[in-house]
Amino acid sequence: MFENPYDTYRRLRDDEPVAWSDETQWLLVTRWDDVVDALKNHDVFSSRRIDLLASRSGAELDPQMTWLIEMASQGMWMLDPPQHTRVRN
């Protein structure tokens, strides 16, 4: 895959356009139209992934991790509309 990922990409698009990873707990969406639809559907496909990181730890977070989560949660890449739109403007 690392030498030539395009065969894997083609197989995923053809056979498994939306693939779930148990390891990462992520959906991999490989078709252009599906990606565009997901990016527009903020109710189902949120950018607020940082909340998942915080909730998965299951333990009280140390001050450095709390600071990291607070800083990352303010980044445009972690925001959904209307906050994303405000920051982008």
PDB file of N, CA and C in Angstrom:
ATOM      1  N   MET A   1       0.814  -1.194   0.000  1.00  0.00           N
ATOM      2  CA  MET A   1       0.000   0.000   0.000  1.00  0.00           C
ATOM      3  C   MET A   1       0.862   1.264   0.000  1.00  0.00           C
ATOM      4  N   PHE A   2       1.951   1.279   0.788  1.00  0.00           N
ATOM      5  CA  PHE A   2       2.761   2.486   0.889  1.00  0.00           C
ATOM      6  C   PHE A   2       3.520   2.784  -0.399  1.00  0.00           C
ATOM      7  N   GLU A   3       3.897   1.744  -1.127  1.00  0.00           N
ATOM      8  CA  GLU A   3       4.596   1.962  -2.388  1.00  0.00           C
ATOM      9  C   GLU A   3       3.648   2.438  -3.480  1.00  0.00           C
ATOM     10  N   ASN A   4       2.428   1.894  -3.494  1.00  0.00           N
ATOM     11  CA  ASN A   4       1.444   2.272  -4.506  1.00  0.00           C
ATOM     12  C   ASN A   4       0.052   2.210  -3.883  1.00  0.00           C
ATOM     13  N   PRO A   5      -0.381   3.304  -3.244  1.00  0.00           N
ATOM     14  CA  PRO A   5      -1.670   3.281  -2.546  1.00  0.00           C
ATOM     15  C   PRO A   5      -2.878   3.318  -3.480  1.00  0.00           C
ATOM     16  N   TYR A   6      -2.667   3.615  -4.739  1.00  0.00           N
ATOM     17  CA  TYR A   6      -3.788   3.860  -5.645  1.00  0.00           C
ATOM     18  C   TYR A   6      -4.632   2.615  -5.899  1.00  0.00           C
ATOM     19  N   ASP A   7      -4.014   1.436  -5.898  1.00  0.00           N
ATOM     20  CA  ASP A   7      -4.803   0.206  -6.036  1.00  0.00           C
ATOM     21  C   ASP A   7      -5.721   0.023  -4.830  1.00  0.00           C
ATOM     22  N   THR A   8      -5.229   0.337  -3.640  1.00  0.00           N
ATOM     23  CA  THR A   8      -6.047   0.242  -2.431  1.00  0.00           C
ATOM     24  C   THR A   8      -7.162   1.269  -2.464  1.00  0.00           C
ATOM     25  N   TYR A   9      -6.844   2.484  -2.871  1.00  0.00           N
ATOM     26  CA  TYR A   9      -7.881   3.515  -2.987  1.00  0.00           C
ATOM     27  C   TYR A   9      -8.967   3.083  -3.965  1.00  0.00           C
ATOM     28  N   ARG A  10      -8.573   2.537  -5.092  1.00  0.00           N
ATOM     29  CA  ARG A  10      -9.538   2.084  -6.109  1.00  0.00           C
ATOM     30  C   ARG A  10     -10.419   0.966  -5.542  1.00  0.00           C
ATOM     31  N   ARG A  11      -9.792   0.004  -4.850  1.00  0.00           N
ATOM     32  CA  ARG A  11     -10.565  -1.096  -4.271  1.00  0.00           C
ATOM     33  C   ARG A  11     -11.568  -0.576  -3.253  1.00  0.00           C
ATOM     34  N   LEU A  12     -11.137   0.353  -2.410  1.00  0.00           N
ATOM     35  CA  LEU A  12     -12.049   0.924  -1.423  1.00  0.00           C
ATOM     36  C   LEU A  12     -13.206   1.659  -2.093  1.00  0.00           C
ATOM     37  N   ARG A  13     -12.906   2.463  -3.095  1.00  0.00           N
ATOM     38  CA  ARG A  13     -13.983   3.189  -3.793  1.00  0.00           C
ATOM     39  C   ARG A  13     -14.955   2.224  -4.445  1.00  0.00           C
ATOM     40  N   ASP A  14     -14.438   1.145  -5.037  1.00  0.00           N
ATOM     41  CA  ASP A  14     -15.290   0.192  -5.751  1.00  0.00           C
ATOM     42  C   ASP A  14     -16.054  -0.742  -4.821  1.00  0.00           C
ATOM     43  N   ASP A  15     -15.381  -1.247  -3.778  1.00  0.00           N
ATOM     44  CA  ASP A  15     -15.958  -2.318  -2.957  1.00  0.00           C
ATOM     45  C   ASP A  15     -16.434  -1.877  -1.582  1.00  0.00           C
ATOM     46  N   GLU A  16     -15.858  -0.838  -1.044  1.00  0.00           N
ATOM     47  CA  GLU A  16     -16.176  -0.421   0.319  1.00  0.00           C
ATOM     48  C   GLU A  16     -16.038   1.099   0.431  1.00  0.00           C
ATOM     49  N   PRO A  17     -16.926   1.848  -0.231  1.00  0.00           N
ATOM     50  CA  PRO A  17     -16.775   3.307  -0.284  1.00  0.00           C
ATOM     51  C   PRO A  17     -16.878   3.993   1.073  1.00  0.00           C
ATOM     52  N   VAL A  18     -17.557   3.376   2.013  1.00  0.00           N
ATOM     53  CA  VAL A  18     -17.597   3.878   3.385  1.00  0.00           C
ATOM     54  C   VAL A  18     -17.154   2.719   4.273  1.00  0.00           C
ATOM     55  N   ALA A  19     -15.954   2.847   4.824  1.00  0.00           N
ATOM     56  CA  ALA A  19     -15.367   1.756   5.600  1.00  0.00           C
ATOM     57  C   ALA A  19     -15.187   2.192   7.049  1.00  0.00           C
ATOM     58  N   TRP A  20     -15.551   1.316   7.967  1.00  0.00           N
ATOM     59  CA  TRP A  20     -15.388   1.575   9.392  1.00  0.00           C
ATOM     60  C   TRP A  20     -14.094   0.932   9.878  1.00  0.00           C
ATOM     61  N   SER A  21     -13.321   1.657  10.679  1.00  0.00           N
ATOM     62  CA  SER A  21     -12.111   1.116  11.282  1.00  0.00           C
ATOM     63  C   SER A  21     -12.349   0.904  12.764  1.00  0.00           C
ATOM     64  N   ASP A  22     -12.321  -0.354  13.202  1.00  0.00           N
ATOM     65  CA  ASP A  22     -12.455  -0.647  14.636  1.00  0.00           C
ATOM     66  C   ASP A  22     -11.270  -0.087  15.416  1.00  0.00           C
ATOM     67  N   GLU A  23     -10.102  -0.078  14.784  1.00  0.00           N
ATOM     68  CA  GLU A  23      -8.887   0.384  15.456  1.00  0.00           C
ATOM     69  C   GLU A  23      -8.947   1.872  15.781  1.00  0.00           C
ATOM     70  N   THR A  24      -9.361   2.687  14.819  1.00  0.00           N
ATOM     71  CA  THR A  24      -9.381   4.134  15.034  1.00  0.00           C
ATOM     72  C   THR A  24     -10.755   4.667  15.413  1.00  0.00           C
ATOM     73  N   GLN A  25     -11.798   3.828  15.234  1.00  0.00           N
ATOM     74  CA  GLN A  25     -13.179   4.250  15.477  1.00  0.00           C
ATOM     75  C   GLN A  25     -13.572   5.380  14.535  1.00  0.00           C
ATOM     76  N   TRP A  26     -13.104   5.304  13.288  1.00  0.00           N
ATOM     77  CA  TRP A  26     -13.391   6.307  12.268  1.00  0.00           C
ATOM     78  C   TRP A  26     -14.035   5.669  11.062  1.00  0.00           C
ATOM     79  N   LEU A  27     -14.814   6.465  10.357  1.00  0.00           N
ATOM     80  CA  LEU A  27     -15.301   6.096   9.034  1.00  0.00           C
ATOM     81  C   LEU A  27     -14.327   6.643   7.996  1.00  0.00           C
ATOM     82  N   LEU A  28     -14.010   5.830   7.022  1.00  0.00           N
ATOM     83  CA  LEU A  28     -13.196   6.276   5.895  1.00  0.00           C
ATOM     84  C   LEU A  28     -14.132   6.377   4.701  1.00  0.00           C
ATOM     85  N   VAL A  29     -14.303   7.572   4.184  1.00  0.00           N
ATOM     86  CA  VAL A  29     -15.207   7.827   3.058  1.00  0.00           C
ATOM     87  C   VAL A  29     -14.336   8.113   1.842  1.00  0.00           C
ATOM     88  N   THR A  30     -14.521   7.349   0.764  1.00  0.00           N
ATOM     89  CA  THR A  30     -13.565   7.403  -0.344  1.00  0.00           C
ATOM     90  C   THR A  30     -14.114   7.950  -1.656  1.00  0.00           C
ATOM     91  N   ARG A  31     -15.406   8.132  -1.765  1.00  0.00           N
ATOM     92  CA  ARG A  31     -15.965   8.662  -3.012  1.00  0.00           C
ATOM     93  C   ARG A  31     -16.232  10.160  -2.863  1.00  0.00           C
ATOM     94  N   TRP A  32     -15.874  10.907  -3.905  1.00  0.00           N
ATOM     95  CA  TRP A  32     -15.958  12.367  -3.880  1.00  0.00           C
ATOM     96  C   TRP A  32     -17.330  12.865  -3.441  1.00  0.00           C
ATOM     97  N   ASP A  33     -18.378  12.407  -4.081  1.00  0.00           N
ATOM     98  CA  ASP A  33     -19.723  12.893  -3.748  1.00  0.00           C
ATOM     99  C   ASP A  33     -20.100  12.574  -2.305  1.00  0.00           C
ATOM    100  N   ASP A  34     -19.682  11.396  -1.821  1.00  0.00           N
ATOM    101  CA  ASP A  34     -19.964  11.030  -0.432  1.00  0.00           C
ATOM    102  C   ASP A  34     -19.199  11.930   0.542  1.00  0.00           C
ATOM    103  N   VAL A  35     -17.959  12.259   0.207  1.00  0.00           N
ATOM    104  CA  VAL A  35     -17.158  13.149   1.053  1.00  0.00           C
ATOM    105  C   VAL A  35     -17.807  14.531   1.117  1.00  0.00           C
ATOM    106  N   VAL A  36     -18.216  15.047  -0.042  1.00  0.00           N
ATOM    107  CA  VAL A  36     -18.860  16.365  -0.084  1.00  0.00           C
ATOM    108  C   VAL A  36     -20.143  16.351   0.746  1.00  0.00           C
ATOM    109  N   ASP A  37     -20.944  15.301   0.604  1.00  0.00           N
ATOM    110  CA  ASP A  37     -22.176  15.193   1.400  1.00  0.00           C
ATOM    111  C   ASP A  37     -21.872  15.155   2.896  1.00  0.00           C
ATOM    112  N   ALA A  38     -20.857  14.389   3.285  1.00  0.00           N
ATOM    113  CA  ALA A  38     -20.499  14.294   4.705  1.00  0.00           C
ATOM    114  C   ALA A  38     -20.031  15.645   5.244  1.00  0.00           C
ATOM    115  N   LEU A  39     -19.258  16.362   4.449  1.00  0.00           N
ATOM    116  CA  LEU A  39     -18.767  17.666   4.904  1.00  0.00           C
ATOM    117  C   LEU A  39     -19.890  18.682   5.075  1.00  0.00           C
ATOM    118  N   LYS A  40     -20.976  18.484   4.368  1.00  0.00           N
ATOM    119  CA  LYS A  40     -22.113  19.410   4.467  1.00  0.00           C
ATOM    120  C   LYS A  40     -23.113  19.008   5.543  1.00  0.00           C
ATOM    121  N   ASN A  41     -23.029  17.786   6.053  1.00  0.00           N
ATOM    122  CA  ASN A  41     -23.998  17.268   7.008  1.00  0.00           C
ATOM    123  C   ASN A  41     -23.396  17.294   8.416  1.00  0.00           C
ATOM    124  N   HIS A  42     -23.411  18.475   9.041  1.00  0.00           N
ATOM    125  CA  HIS A  42     -22.759  18.663  10.330  1.00  0.00           C
ATOM    126  C   HIS A  42     -23.484  17.983  11.481  1.00  0.00           C
ATOM    127  N   ASP A  43     -24.760  17.684  11.298  1.00  0.00           N
ATOM    128  CA  ASP A  43     -25.493  17.008  12.367  1.00  0.00           C
ATOM    129  C   ASP A  43     -25.043  15.562  12.526  1.00  0.00           C
ATOM    130  N   VAL A  44     -24.660  14.926  11.427  1.00  0.00           N
ATOM    131  CA  VAL A  44     -24.235  13.525  11.470  1.00  0.00           C
ATOM    132  C   VAL A  44     -22.719  13.402  11.529  1.00  0.00           C
ATOM    133  N   PHE A  45     -22.015  14.224  10.770  1.00  0.00           N
ATOM    134  CA  PHE A  45     -20.563  14.153  10.662  1.00  0.00           C
ATOM    135  C   PHE A  45     -19.949  15.423  11.243  1.00  0.00           C
ATOM    136  N   SER A  46     -19.804  15.446  12.529  1.00  0.00           N
ATOM    137  CA  SER A  46     -19.316  16.638  13.219  1.00  0.00           C
ATOM    138  C   SER A  46     -17.797  16.731  13.161  1.00  0.00           C
ATOM    139  N   SER A  47     -17.297  17.950  13.211  1.00  0.00           N
ATOM    140  CA  SER A  47     -15.859  18.191  13.307  1.00  0.00           C
ATOM    141  C   SER A  47     -15.384  18.212  14.754  1.00  0.00           C
ATOM    142  N   ARG A  48     -16.279  18.084  15.693  1.00  0.00           N
ATOM    143  CA  ARG A  48     -15.936  18.172  17.117  1.00  0.00           C
ATOM    144  C   ARG A  48     -15.309  16.876  17.625  1.00  0.00           C
ATOM    145  N   ARG A  49     -14.286  16.386  16.938  1.00  0.00           N
ATOM    146  CA  ARG A  49     -13.620  15.139  17.323  1.00  0.00           C
ATOM    147  C   ARG A  49     -12.863  15.265  18.636  1.00  0.00           C
ATOM    148  N   ILE A  50     -12.487  16.469  18.994  1.00  0.00           N
ATOM    149  CA  ILE A  50     -11.722  16.654  20.221  1.00  0.00           C
ATOM    150  C   ILE A  50     -12.536  16.215  21.438  1.00  0.00           C
ATOM    151  N   ASP A  51     -13.850  16.353  21.359  1.00  0.00           N
ATOM    152  CA  ASP A  51     -14.702  15.896  22.460  1.00  0.00           C
ATOM    153  C   ASP A  51     -14.594  14.388  22.634  1.00  0.00           C
ATOM    154  N   LEU A  52     -14.438  13.653  21.536  1.00  0.00           N
ATOM    155  CA  LEU A  52     -14.266  12.202  21.625  1.00  0.00           C
ATOM    156  C   LEU A  52     -12.967  11.856  22.333  1.00  0.00           C
ATOM    157  N   LEU A  53     -11.903  12.575  22.027  1.00  0.00           N
ATOM    158  CA  LEU A  53     -10.621  12.333  22.676  1.00  0.00           C
ATOM    159  C   LEU A  53     -10.744  12.521  24.183  1.00  0.00           C
ATOM    160  N   ALA A  54     -11.371  13.571  24.576  1.00  0.00           N
ATOM    161  CA  ALA A  54     -11.526  13.857  26.007  1.00  0.00           C
ATOM    162  C   ALA A  54     -12.380  12.799  26.692  1.00  0.00           C
ATOM    163  N   SER A  55     -13.443  12.362  26.036  1.00  0.00           N
ATOM    164  CA  SER A  55     -14.353  11.415  26.682  1.00  0.00           C
ATOM    165  C   SER A  55     -13.811   9.993  26.697  1.00  0.00           C
ATOM    166  N   ARG A  56     -12.920   9.648  25.774  1.00  0.00           N
ATOM    167  CA  ARG A  56     -12.385   8.284  25.711  1.00  0.00           C
ATOM    168  C   ARG A  56     -11.373   7.980  26.799  1.00  0.00           C
ATOM    169  N   SER A  57     -10.777   8.981  27.374  1.00  0.00           N
ATOM    170  CA  SER A  57      -9.727   8.726  28.350  1.00  0.00           C
ATOM    171  C   SER A  57     -10.281   7.986  29.570  1.00  0.00           C
ATOM    172  N   GLY A  58     -11.520   8.295  29.952  1.00  0.00           N
ATOM    173  CA  GLY A  58     -12.140   7.606  31.077  1.00  0.00           C
ATOM    174  C   GLY A  58     -11.579   7.996  32.434  1.00  0.00           C
ATOM    175  N   ALA A  59     -10.529   8.765  32.430  1.00  0.00           N
ATOM    176  CA  ALA A  59      -9.910   9.193  33.685  1.00  0.00           C
ATOM    177  C   ALA A  59      -9.874  10.716  33.713  1.00  0.00           C
ATOM    178  N   GLU A  60      -9.575  11.228  34.896  1.00  0.00           N
ATOM    179  CA  GLU A  60      -9.435  12.674  35.000  1.00  0.00           C
ATOM    180  C   GLU A  60      -8.192  13.098  34.219  1.00  0.00           C
ATOM    181  N   LEU A  61      -8.346  14.119  33.411  1.00  0.00           N
ATOM    182  CA  LEU A  61      -7.250  14.569  32.569  1.00  0.00           C
ATOM    183  C   LEU A  61      -6.269  15.422  33.352  1.00  0.00           C
ATOM    184  N   ASP A  62      -4.983  15.244  33.056  1.00  0.00           N
ATOM    185  CA  ASP A  62      -3.994  16.090  33.716  1.00  0.00           C
ATOM    186  C   ASP A  62      -4.046  17.495  33.118  1.00  0.00           C
ATOM    187  N   PRO A  63      -3.469  18.478  33.787  1.00  0.00           N
ATOM    188  CA  PRO A  63      -3.571  19.879  33.322  1.00  0.00           C
ATOM    189  C   PRO A  63      -3.045  20.097  31.907  1.00  0.00           C
ATOM    190  N   GLN A  64      -1.977  19.413  31.524  1.00  0.00           N
ATOM    191  CA  GLN A  64      -1.434  19.594  30.170  1.00  0.00           C
ATOM    192  C   GLN A  64      -2.410  19.089  29.113  1.00  0.00           C
ATOM    193  N   MET A  65      -3.036  17.941  29.357  1.00  0.00           N
ATOM    194  CA  MET A  65      -3.997  17.401  28.394  1.00  0.00           C
ATOM    195  C   MET A  65      -5.235  18.287  28.354  1.00  0.00           C
ATOM    196  N   THR A  66      -5.668  18.784  29.485  1.00  0.00           N
ATOM    197  CA  THR A  66      -6.817  19.699  29.519  1.00  0.00           C
ATOM    198  C   THR A  66      -6.517  20.943  28.691  1.00  0.00           C
ATOM    199  N   TRP A  67      -5.321  21.492  28.846  1.00  0.00           N
ATOM    200  CA  TRP A  67      -4.916  22.670  28.074  1.00  0.00           C
ATOM    201  C   TRP A  67      -4.896  22.343  26.581  1.00  0.00           C
ATOM    202  N   LEU A  68      -4.332  21.196  26.209  1.00  0.00           N
ATOM    203  CA  LEU A  68      -4.274  20.802  24.799  1.00  0.00           C
ATOM    204  C   LEU A  68      -5.672  20.688  24.204  1.00  0.00           C
ATOM    205  N   ILE A  69      -6.584  20.067  24.911  1.00  0.00           N
ATOM    206  CA  ILE A  69      -7.951  19.903  24.415  1.00  0.00           C
ATOM    207  C   ILE A  69      -8.633  21.258  24.283  1.00  0.00           C
ATOM    208  N   GLU A  70      -8.430  22.136  25.254  1.00  0.00           N
ATOM    209  CA  GLU A  70      -9.036  23.474  25.164  1.00  0.00           C
ATOM    210  C   GLU A  70      -8.496  24.254  23.971  1.00  0.00           C
ATOM    211  N   MET A  71      -7.195  24.188  23.732  1.00  0.00           N
ATOM    212  CA  MET A  71      -6.593  24.908  22.603  1.00  0.00           C
ATOM    213  C   MET A  71      -7.047  24.304  21.272  1.00  0.00           C
ATOM    214  N   ALA A  72      -7.007  22.987  21.167  1.00  0.00           N
ATOM    215  CA  ALA A  72      -7.395  22.326  19.918  1.00  0.00           C
ATOM    216  C   ALA A  72      -8.871  22.552  19.601  1.00  0.00           C
ATOM    217  N   SER A  73      -9.698  22.626  20.625  1.00  0.00           N
ATOM    218  CA  SER A  73     -11.131  22.793  20.393  1.00  0.00           C
ATOM    219  C   SER A  73     -11.471  24.155  19.812  1.00  0.00           C
ATOM    220  N   GLN A  74     -10.535  25.094  19.875  1.00  0.00           N
ATOM    221  CA  GLN A  74     -10.762  26.419  19.310  1.00  0.00           C
ATOM    222  C   GLN A  74     -10.284  26.531  17.872  1.00  0.00           C
ATOM    223  N   GLY A  75      -9.591  25.522  17.377  1.00  0.00           N
ATOM    224  CA  GLY A  75      -9.095  25.543  16.006  1.00  0.00           C
ATOM    225  C   GLY A  75     -10.231  25.384  15.002  1.00  0.00           C
ATOM    226  N   MET A  76     -10.116  26.046  13.879  1.00  0.00           N
ATOM    227  CA  MET A  76     -11.178  26.027  12.873  1.00  0.00           C
ATOM    228  C   MET A  76     -11.481  24.599  12.412  1.00  0.00           C
ATOM    229  N   TRP A  77     -10.478  23.755  12.354  1.00  0.00           N
ATOM    230  CA  TRP A  77     -10.662  22.383  11.895  1.00  0.00           C
ATOM    231  C   TRP A  77     -11.482  21.538  12.871  1.00  0.00           C
ATOM    232  N   MET A  78     -11.729  22.047  14.076  1.00  0.00           N
ATOM    233  CA  MET A  78     -12.535  21.330  15.065  1.00  0.00           C
ATOM    234  C   MET A  78     -13.890  21.989  15.295  1.00  0.00           C
ATOM    235  N   LEU A  79     -14.270  22.925  14.450  1.00  0.00           N
ATOM    236  CA  LEU A  79     -15.521  23.646  14.652  1.00  0.00           C
ATOM    237  C   LEU A  79     -16.549  23.283  13.590  1.00  0.00           C
ATOM    238  N   ASP A  80     -17.796  23.269  13.993  1.00  0.00           N
ATOM    239  CA  ASP A  80     -18.936  23.136  13.088  1.00  0.00           C
ATOM    240  C   ASP A  80     -19.591  24.504  12.961  1.00  0.00           C
ATOM    241  N   PRO A  81     -20.377  24.695  11.901  1.00  0.00           N
ATOM    242  CA  PRO A  81     -21.150  25.946  11.818  1.00  0.00           C
ATOM    243  C   PRO A  81     -22.087  26.056  13.025  1.00  0.00           C
ATOM    244  N   PRO A  82     -22.337  27.222  13.490  1.00  0.00           N
ATOM    245  CA  PRO A  82     -21.981  28.536  12.957  1.00  0.00           C
ATOM    246  C   PRO A  82     -20.602  29.019  13.424  1.00  0.00           C
ATOM    247  N   GLN A  83     -19.991  28.331  14.416  1.00  0.00           N
ATOM    248  CA  GLN A  83     -18.691  28.789  14.911  1.00  0.00           C
ATOM    249  C   GLN A  83     -17.624  28.739  13.811  1.00  0.00           C
ATOM    250  N   HIS A  84     -17.617  27.680  13.008  1.00  0.00           N
ATOM    251  CA  HIS A  84     -16.639  27.565  11.923  1.00  0.00           C
ATOM    252  C   HIS A  84     -16.786  28.724  10.938  1.00  0.00           C
ATOM    253  N   THR A  85     -18.010  29.053  10.596  1.00  0.00           N
ATOM    254  CA  THR A  85     -18.273  30.148   9.650  1.00  0.00           C
ATOM    255  C   THR A  85     -17.770  31.477  10.204  1.00  0.00           C
ATOM    256  N   ARG A  86     -18.016  31.713  11.487  1.00  0.00           N
ATOM    257  CA  ARG A  86     -17.565  32.953  12.120  1.00  0.00           C
ATOM    258  C   ARG A  86     -16.053  33.055  12.089  1.00  0.00           C
ATOM    259  N   VAL A  87     -15.343  31.983  12.449  1.00  0.00           N
ATOM    260  CA  VAL A  87     -13.882  32.013  12.467  1.00  0.00           C
ATOM    261  C   VAL A  87     -13.328  32.124  11.046  1.00  0.00           C
ATOM    262  N   ARG A  88     -13.930  31.431  10.125  1.00  0.00           N
ATOM    263  CA  ARG A  88     -13.471  31.489   8.733  1.00  0.00           C
ATOM    264  C   ARG A  88     -13.615  32.881   8.152  1.00  0.00           C
ATOM    265  N   ASN A  89     -14.730  33.559   8.469  1.00  0.00           N
ATOM    266  CA  ASN A  89     -14.927  34.916   7.976  1.00  0.00           C
ATOM    267  C   ASN A  89     -13.905  35.859   8.586  1.00  0.00           C
TER     268      ASN A  89
END
